[in-house]
Amino acid sequence: MTVRGVTTAQAARDLVVHATVLRLWIRETESSGTASFPGNGQMAPGDEELRQLRREVTELKVERDILKKAAAYFVRDQI
């Protein structure tokens, strides 16, 4: 660890996590910066887009189902 001047193993012991986990966290932070662990209700940009797309798909399915029922109703009235 460069900030505290201790080894990764010592920092892991201080944090009560396995050294491998701490190394993974360090690697993730170095590669993605502050977007590594969004937390506090914040989502990574890709996750936010995925959430919006899933919401849109759900809304479109509801609209489709309503239109199917309406079409069936009008077909039944014509017979």
PDB file of N, CA and C in Angstrom:
ATOM      1  N   MET A   1       0.851  -1.168   0.000  1.00  0.00           N
ATOM      2  CA  MET A   1       0.000   0.000   0.000  1.00  0.00           C
ATOM      3  C   MET A   1       0.897   1.231   0.000  1.00  0.00           C
ATOM      4  N   THR A   2       0.644   2.124  -0.852  1.00  0.00           N
ATOM      5  CA  THR A   2       1.511   3.286  -0.952  1.00  0.00           C
ATOM      6  C   THR A   2       1.102   4.414  -0.013  1.00  0.00           C
ATOM      7  N   VAL A   3      -0.173   4.546   0.301  1.00  0.00           N
ATOM      8  CA  VAL A   3      -0.629   5.669   1.109  1.00  0.00           C
ATOM      9  C   VAL A   3      -0.171   5.527   2.558  1.00  0.00           C
ATOM     10  N   ARG A   4      -0.372   4.363   3.144  1.00  0.00           N
ATOM     11  CA  ARG A   4      -0.017   4.167   4.552  1.00  0.00           C
ATOM     12  C   ARG A   4       1.413   3.682   4.725  1.00  0.00           C
ATOM     13  N   GLY A   5       2.029   3.226   3.676  1.00  0.00           N
ATOM     14  CA  GLY A   5       3.391   2.728   3.768  1.00  0.00           C
ATOM     15  C   GLY A   5       3.489   1.338   4.371  1.00  0.00           C
ATOM     16  N   VAL A   6       2.412   0.554   4.280  1.00  0.00           N
ATOM     17  CA  VAL A   6       2.432  -0.822   4.780  1.00  0.00           C
ATOM     18  C   VAL A   6       2.193  -1.772   3.619  1.00  0.00           C
ATOM     19  N   THR A   7       2.501  -3.024   3.837  1.00  0.00           N
ATOM     20  CA  THR A   7       2.294  -4.017   2.783  1.00  0.00           C
ATOM     21  C   THR A   7       0.805  -4.295   2.618  1.00  0.00           C
ATOM     22  N   THR A   8       0.471  -4.864   1.481  1.00  0.00           N
ATOM     23  CA  THR A   8      -0.917  -5.239   1.233  1.00  0.00           C
ATOM     24  C   THR A   8      -1.372  -6.267   2.259  1.00  0.00           C
ATOM     25  N   ALA A   9      -0.491  -7.201   2.594  1.00  0.00           N
ATOM     26  CA  ALA A   9      -0.839  -8.222   3.578  1.00  0.00           C
ATOM     27  C   ALA A   9      -1.161  -7.593   4.939  1.00  0.00           C
ATOM     28  N   GLN A  10      -0.365  -6.629   5.369  1.00  0.00           N
ATOM     29  CA  GLN A  10      -0.608  -5.972   6.654  1.00  0.00           C
ATOM     30  C   GLN A  10      -1.903  -5.173   6.612  1.00  0.00           C
ATOM     31  N   ALA A  11      -2.142  -4.470   5.525  1.00  0.00           N
ATOM     32  CA  ALA A  11      -3.379  -3.699   5.390  1.00  0.00           C
ATOM     33  C   ALA A  11      -4.584  -4.631   5.405  1.00  0.00           C
ATOM     34  N   ALA A  12      -4.462  -5.790   4.751  1.00  0.00           N
ATOM     35  CA  ALA A  12      -5.556  -6.767   4.744  1.00  0.00           C
ATOM     36  C   ALA A  12      -5.829  -7.256   6.166  1.00  0.00           C
ATOM     37  N   ARG A  13      -4.786  -7.524   6.912  1.00  0.00           N
ATOM     38  CA  ARG A  13      -4.980  -7.942   8.307  1.00  0.00           C
ATOM     39  C   ARG A  13      -5.653  -6.834   9.113  1.00  0.00           C
ATOM     40  N   ASP A  14      -5.248  -5.611   8.905  1.00  0.00           N
ATOM     41  CA  ASP A  14      -5.846  -4.475   9.621  1.00  0.00           C
ATOM     42  C   ASP A  14      -7.333  -4.335   9.289  1.00  0.00           C
ATOM     43  N   LEU A  15      -7.684  -4.621   8.034  1.00  0.00           N
ATOM     44  CA  LEU A  15      -9.073  -4.498   7.590  1.00  0.00           C
ATOM     45  C   LEU A  15      -9.892  -5.763   7.813  1.00  0.00           C
ATOM     46  N   VAL A  16      -9.220  -6.821   8.237  1.00  0.00           N
ATOM     47  CA  VAL A  16      -9.830  -8.130   8.473  1.00  0.00           C
ATOM     48  C   VAL A  16     -10.473  -8.664   7.189  1.00  0.00           C
ATOM     49  N   VAL A  17      -9.718  -8.594   6.107  1.00  0.00           N
ATOM     50  CA  VAL A  17     -10.112  -9.199   4.837  1.00  0.00           C
ATOM     51  C   VAL A  17      -8.923 -10.000   4.329  1.00  0.00           C
ATOM     52  N   HIS A  18      -9.202 -10.910   3.415  1.00  0.00           N
ATOM     53  CA  HIS A  18      -8.126 -11.707   2.839  1.00  0.00           C
ATOM     54  C   HIS A  18      -7.290 -10.818   1.913  1.00  0.00           C
ATOM     55  N   ALA A  19      -6.006 -11.062   1.879  1.00  0.00           N
ATOM     56  CA  ALA A  19      -5.099 -10.239   1.064  1.00  0.00           C
ATOM     57  C   ALA A  19      -5.472 -10.276  -0.413  1.00  0.00           C
ATOM     58  N   THR A  20      -5.957 -11.419  -0.880  1.00  0.00           N
ATOM     59  CA  THR A  20      -6.359 -11.535  -2.286  1.00  0.00           C
ATOM     60  C   THR A  20      -7.528 -10.603  -2.586  1.00  0.00           C
ATOM     61  N   VAL A  21      -8.473 -10.524  -1.666  1.00  0.00           N
ATOM     62  CA  VAL A  21      -9.625  -9.631  -1.847  1.00  0.00           C
ATOM     63  C   VAL A  21      -9.153  -8.182  -1.911  1.00  0.00           C
ATOM     64  N   LEU A  22      -8.249  -7.822  -1.010  1.00  0.00           N
ATOM     65  CA  LEU A  22      -7.731  -6.454  -1.006  1.00  0.00           C
ATOM     66  C   LEU A  22      -7.003  -6.145  -2.309  1.00  0.00           C
ATOM     67  N   ARG A  23      -6.238  -7.087  -2.806  1.00  0.00           N
ATOM     68  CA  ARG A  23      -5.543  -6.874  -4.088  1.00  0.00           C
ATOM     69  C   ARG A  23      -6.541  -6.671  -5.227  1.00  0.00           C
ATOM     70  N   LEU A  24      -7.636  -7.444  -5.215  1.00  0.00           N
ATOM     71  CA  LEU A  24      -8.671  -7.271  -6.245  1.00  0.00           C
ATOM     72  C   LEU A  24      -9.300  -5.885  -6.156  1.00  0.00           C
ATOM     73  N   TRP A  25      -9.549  -5.421  -4.922  1.00  0.00           N
ATOM     74  CA  TRP A  25     -10.115  -4.081  -4.740  1.00  0.00           C
ATOM     75  C   TRP A  25      -9.156  -3.018  -5.254  1.00  0.00           C
ATOM     76  N   ILE A  26      -7.888  -3.179  -4.968  1.00  0.00           N
ATOM     77  CA  ILE A  26      -6.874  -2.217  -5.421  1.00  0.00           C
ATOM     78  C   ILE A  26      -6.821  -2.195  -6.941  1.00  0.00           C
ATOM     79  N   ARG A  27      -6.805  -3.370  -7.547  1.00  0.00           N
ATOM     80  CA  ARG A  27      -6.749  -3.470  -9.010  1.00  0.00           C
ATOM     81  C   ARG A  27      -7.977  -2.820  -9.634  1.00  0.00           C
ATOM     82  N   GLU A  28      -9.161  -3.074  -9.069  1.00  0.00           N
ATOM     83  CA  GLU A  28     -10.397  -2.491  -9.585  1.00  0.00           C
ATOM     84  C   GLU A  28     -10.374  -0.971  -9.462  1.00  0.00           C
ATOM     85  N   THR A  29      -9.890  -0.467  -8.346  1.00  0.00           N
ATOM     86  CA  THR A  29      -9.814   0.976  -8.142  1.00  0.00           C
ATOM     87  C   THR A  29      -8.829   1.621  -9.110  1.00  0.00           C
ATOM     88  N   GLU A  30      -7.719   0.964  -9.345  1.00  0.00           N
ATOM     89  CA  GLU A  30      -6.733   1.518 -10.279  1.00  0.00           C
ATOM     90  C   GLU A  30      -7.262   1.534 -11.697  1.00  0.00           C
ATOM     91  N   SER A  31      -8.051   0.531 -12.081  1.00  0.00           N
ATOM     92  CA  SER A  31      -8.541   0.468 -13.461  1.00  0.00           C
ATOM     93  C   SER A  31      -9.757   1.363 -13.700  1.00  0.00           C
ATOM     94  N   SER A  32     -10.653   1.474 -12.713  1.00  0.00           N
ATOM     95  CA  SER A  32     -11.901   2.205 -12.935  1.00  0.00           C
ATOM     96  C   SER A  32     -12.040   3.476 -12.111  1.00  0.00           C
ATOM     97  N   GLY A  33     -11.147   3.717 -11.211  1.00  0.00           N
ATOM     98  CA  GLY A  33     -11.221   4.932 -10.396  1.00  0.00           C
ATOM     99  C   GLY A  33     -12.439   4.951  -9.498  1.00  0.00           C
ATOM    100  N   THR A  34     -13.088   6.100  -9.420  1.00  0.00           N
ATOM    101  CA  THR A  34     -14.226   6.241  -8.512  1.00  0.00           C
ATOM    102  C   THR A  34     -15.449   5.457  -8.969  1.00  0.00           C
ATOM    103  N   ALA A  35     -15.502   5.026 -10.218  1.00  0.00           N
ATOM    104  CA  ALA A  35     -16.632   4.237 -10.708  1.00  0.00           C
ATOM    105  C   ALA A  35     -16.526   2.772 -10.310  1.00  0.00           C
ATOM    106  N   SER A  36     -15.443   2.388  -9.654  1.00  0.00           N
ATOM    107  CA  SER A  36     -15.238   0.998  -9.275  1.00  0.00           C
ATOM    108  C   SER A  36     -16.333   0.475  -8.364  1.00  0.00           C
ATOM    109  N   PHE A  37     -16.619   1.212  -7.338  1.00  0.00           N
ATOM    110  CA  PHE A  37     -17.591   0.804  -6.336  1.00  0.00           C
ATOM    111  C   PHE A  37     -18.572   1.951  -6.128  1.00  0.00           C
ATOM    112  N   PRO A  38     -19.589   2.061  -6.995  1.00  0.00           N
ATOM    113  CA  PRO A  38     -20.457   3.223  -6.946  1.00  0.00           C
ATOM    114  C   PRO A  38     -21.180   3.380  -5.604  1.00  0.00           C
ATOM    115  N   GLY A  39     -21.868   2.385  -5.131  1.00  0.00           N
ATOM    116  CA  GLY A  39     -22.538   2.424  -3.826  1.00  0.00           C
ATOM    117  C   GLY A  39     -23.394   3.652  -3.595  1.00  0.00           C
ATOM    118  N   ASN A  40     -23.959   3.763  -2.433  1.00  0.00           N
ATOM    119  CA  ASN A  40     -24.798   4.893  -2.019  1.00  0.00           C
ATOM    120  C   ASN A  40     -25.856   5.254  -3.055  1.00  0.00           C
ATOM    121  N   GLY A  41     -26.479   4.253  -3.664  1.00  0.00           N
ATOM    122  CA  GLY A  41     -27.535   4.497  -4.629  1.00  0.00           C
ATOM    123  C   GLY A  41     -27.050   4.860  -6.009  1.00  0.00           C
ATOM    124  N   GLN A  42     -25.764   4.992  -6.197  1.00  0.00           N
ATOM    125  CA  GLN A  42     -25.227   5.320  -7.511  1.00  0.00           C
ATOM    126  C   GLN A  42     -24.916   4.029  -8.248  1.00  0.00           C
ATOM    127  N   MET A  43     -25.188   4.019  -9.520  1.00  0.00           N
ATOM    128  CA  MET A  43     -24.928   2.843 -10.339  1.00  0.00           C
ATOM    129  C   MET A  43     -23.824   3.148 -11.328  1.00  0.00           C
ATOM    130  N   ALA A  44     -23.141   2.105 -11.731  1.00  0.00           N
ATOM    131  CA  ALA A  44     -22.165   2.252 -12.801  1.00  0.00           C
ATOM    132  C   ALA A  44     -22.935   2.645 -14.061  1.00  0.00           C
ATOM    133  N   PRO A  45     -22.305   3.376 -14.981  1.00  0.00           N
ATOM    134  CA  PRO A  45     -23.026   3.835 -16.182  1.00  0.00           C
ATOM    135  C   PRO A  45     -23.705   2.703 -16.952  1.00  0.00           C
ATOM    136  N   GLY A  46     -23.050   1.583 -17.098  1.00  0.00           N
ATOM    137  CA  GLY A  46     -23.643   0.448 -17.815  1.00  0.00           C
ATOM    138  C   GLY A  46     -24.828  -0.128 -17.074  1.00  0.00           C
ATOM    139  N   ASP A  47     -24.756  -0.176 -15.754  1.00  0.00           N
ATOM    140  CA  ASP A  47     -25.851  -0.702 -14.953  1.00  0.00           C
ATOM    141  C   ASP A  47     -27.063   0.209 -15.018  1.00  0.00           C
ATOM    142  N   GLU A  48     -26.835   1.508 -15.015  1.00  0.00           N
ATOM    143  CA  GLU A  48     -27.931   2.469 -15.108  1.00  0.00           C
ATOM    144  C   GLU A  48     -28.646   2.330 -16.447  1.00  0.00           C
ATOM    145  N   GLU A  49     -27.886   2.189 -17.524  1.00  0.00           N
ATOM    146  CA  GLU A  49     -28.488   2.022 -18.851  1.00  0.00           C
ATOM    147  C   GLU A  49     -29.283   0.727 -18.909  1.00  0.00           C
ATOM    148  N   LEU A  50     -28.745  -0.341 -18.342  1.00  0.00           N
ATOM    149  CA  LEU A  50     -29.441  -1.622 -18.324  1.00  0.00           C
ATOM    150  C   LEU A  50     -30.751  -1.514 -17.547  1.00  0.00           C
ATOM    151  N   ARG A  51     -30.737  -0.820 -16.419  1.00  0.00           N
ATOM    152  CA  ARG A  51     -31.941  -0.639 -15.620  1.00  0.00           C
ATOM    153  C   ARG A  51     -33.009   0.115 -16.413  1.00  0.00           C
ATOM    154  N   GLN A  52     -32.587   1.171 -17.117  1.00  0.00           N
ATOM    155  CA  GLN A  52     -33.536   1.949 -17.919  1.00  0.00           C
ATOM    156  C   GLN A  52     -34.110   1.119 -19.058  1.00  0.00           C
ATOM    157  N   LEU A  53     -33.271   0.324 -19.705  1.00  0.00           N
ATOM    158  CA  LEU A  53     -33.748  -0.512 -20.804  1.00  0.00           C
ATOM    159  C   LEU A  53     -34.722  -1.575 -20.305  1.00  0.00           C
ATOM    160  N   ARG A  54     -34.447  -2.153 -19.154  1.00  0.00           N
ATOM    161  CA  ARG A  54     -35.372  -3.148 -18.594  1.00  0.00           C
ATOM    162  C   ARG A  54     -36.717  -2.514 -18.251  1.00  0.00           C
ATOM    163  N   ARG A  55     -36.680  -1.300 -17.708  1.00  0.00           N
ATOM    164  CA  ARG A  55     -37.931  -0.601 -17.401  1.00  0.00           C
ATOM    165  C   ARG A  55     -38.714  -0.345 -18.682  1.00  0.00           C
ATOM    166  N   GLU A  56     -38.022   0.074 -19.730  1.00  0.00           N
ATOM    167  CA  GLU A  56     -38.682   0.348 -21.008  1.00  0.00           C
ATOM    168  C   GLU A  56     -39.289  -0.919 -21.592  1.00  0.00           C
ATOM    169  N   VAL A  57     -38.578  -2.033 -21.507  1.00  0.00           N
ATOM    170  CA  VAL A  57     -39.102  -3.310 -22.005  1.00  0.00           C
ATOM    171  C   VAL A  57     -40.379  -3.678 -21.259  1.00  0.00           C
ATOM    172  N   THR A  58     -40.376  -3.497 -19.947  1.00  0.00           N
ATOM    173  CA  THR A  58     -41.564  -3.801 -19.148  1.00  0.00           C
ATOM    174  C   THR A  58     -42.744  -2.939 -19.577  1.00  0.00           C
ATOM    175  N   GLU A  59     -42.513  -1.655 -19.773  1.00  0.00           N
ATOM    176  CA  GLU A  59     -43.588  -0.756 -20.206  1.00  0.00           C
ATOM    177  C   GLU A  59     -44.105  -1.149 -21.588  1.00  0.00           C
ATOM    178  N   LEU A  60     -43.215  -1.510 -22.490  1.00  0.00           N
ATOM    179  CA  LEU A  60     -43.625  -1.904 -23.835  1.00  0.00           C
ATOM    180  C   LEU A  60     -44.442  -3.198 -23.818  1.00  0.00           C
ATOM    181  N   LYS A  61     -44.082  -4.117 -22.941  1.00  0.00           N
ATOM    182  CA  LYS A  61     -44.853  -5.362 -22.827  1.00  0.00           C
ATOM    183  C   LYS A  61     -46.265  -5.084 -22.319  1.00  0.00           C
ATOM    184  N   VAL A  62     -46.393  -4.168 -21.367  1.00  0.00           N
ATOM    185  CA  VAL A  62     -47.715  -3.807 -20.852  1.00  0.00           C
ATOM    186  C   VAL A  62     -48.544  -3.189 -21.965  1.00  0.00           C
ATOM    187  N   GLU A  63     -47.942  -2.276 -22.717  1.00  0.00           N
ATOM    188  CA  GLU A  63     -48.663  -1.642 -23.828  1.00  0.00           C
ATOM    189  C   GLU A  63     -49.077  -2.677 -24.873  1.00  0.00           C
ATOM    190  N   ARG A  64     -48.191  -3.606 -25.182  1.00  0.00           N
ATOM    191  CA  ARG A  64     -48.491  -4.649 -26.158  1.00  0.00           C
ATOM    192  C   ARG A  64     -49.672  -5.487 -25.690  1.00  0.00           C
ATOM    193  N   ASP A  65     -49.675  -5.867 -24.409  1.00  0.00           N
ATOM    194  CA  ASP A  65     -50.757  -6.690 -23.878  1.00  0.00           C
ATOM    195  C   ASP A  65     -52.093  -5.955 -23.931  1.00  0.00           C
ATOM    196  N   ILE A  66     -52.066  -4.646 -23.651  1.00  0.00           N
ATOM    197  CA  ILE A  66     -53.296  -3.854 -23.734  1.00  0.00           C
ATOM    198  C   ILE A  66     -53.809  -3.823 -25.164  1.00  0.00           C
ATOM    199  N   LEU A  67     -52.912  -3.643 -26.122  1.00  0.00           N
ATOM    200  CA  LEU A  67     -53.324  -3.601 -27.528  1.00  0.00           C
ATOM    201  C   LEU A  67     -53.859  -4.953 -27.998  1.00  0.00           C
ATOM    202  N   LYS A  68     -53.287  -6.035 -27.519  1.00  0.00           N
ATOM    203  CA  LYS A  68     -53.787  -7.374 -27.867  1.00  0.00           C
ATOM    204  C   LYS A  68     -55.214  -7.550 -27.362  1.00  0.00           C
ATOM    205  N   LYS A  69     -55.461  -7.137 -26.120  1.00  0.00           N
ATOM    206  CA  LYS A  69     -56.797  -7.266 -25.547  1.00  0.00           C
ATOM    207  C   LYS A  69     -57.793  -6.389 -26.292  1.00  0.00           C
ATOM    208  N   ALA A  70     -57.369  -5.185 -26.661  1.00  0.00           N
ATOM    209  CA  ALA A  70     -58.250  -4.292 -27.409  1.00  0.00           C
ATOM    210  C   ALA A  70     -58.572  -4.873 -28.773  1.00  0.00           C
ATOM    211  N   ALA A  71     -57.587  -5.425 -29.439  1.00  0.00           N
ATOM    212  CA  ALA A  71     -57.799  -6.020 -30.762  1.00  0.00           C
ATOM    213  C   ALA A  71     -58.769  -7.200 -30.647  1.00  0.00           C
ATOM    214  N   ALA A  72     -58.604  -8.023 -29.638  1.00  0.00           N
ATOM    215  CA  ALA A  72     -59.492  -9.174 -29.443  1.00  0.00           C
ATOM    216  C   ALA A  72     -60.921  -8.692 -29.175  1.00  0.00           C
ATOM    217  N   TYR A  73     -61.062  -7.609 -28.414  1.00  0.00           N
ATOM    218  CA  TYR A  73     -62.394  -7.060 -28.112  1.00  0.00           C
ATOM    219  C   TYR A  73     -63.077  -6.581 -29.374  1.00  0.00           C
ATOM    220  N   PHE A  74     -62.364  -5.851 -30.236  1.00  0.00           N
ATOM    221  CA  PHE A  74     -62.968  -5.336 -31.452  1.00  0.00           C
ATOM    222  C   PHE A  74     -63.273  -6.439 -32.450  1.00  0.00           C
ATOM    223  N   VAL A  75     -62.458  -7.454 -32.516  1.00  0.00           N
ATOM    224  CA  VAL A  75     -62.706  -8.582 -33.409  1.00  0.00           C
ATOM    225  C   VAL A  75     -63.977  -9.308 -32.962  1.00  0.00           C
ATOM    226  N   ARG A  76     -64.144  -9.461 -31.653  1.00  0.00           N
ATOM    227  CA  ARG A  76     -65.306 -10.158 -31.104  1.00  0.00           C
ATOM    228  C   ARG A  76     -66.577  -9.359 -31.419  1.00  0.00           C
ATOM    229  N   ASP A  77     -66.507  -8.035 -31.398  1.00  0.00           N
ATOM    230  CA  ASP A  77     -67.691  -7.207 -31.697  1.00  0.00           C
ATOM    231  C   ASP A  77     -68.092  -7.299 -33.169  1.00  0.00           C
ATOM    232  N   GLN A  78     -67.160  -7.578 -34.048  1.00  0.00           N
ATOM    233  CA  GLN A  78     -67.456  -7.614 -35.489  1.00  0.00           C
ATOM    234  C   GLN A  78     -68.119  -8.926 -35.887  1.00  0.00           C
ATOM    235  N   ILE A  79     -67.997  -9.952 -35.095  1.00  0.00           N
ATOM    236  CA  ILE A  79     -68.534 -11.266 -35.465  1.00  0.00           C
ATOM    237  C   ILE A  79     -70.003 -11.350 -35.192  1.00  0.00           C
TER     238      ILE A  79
END
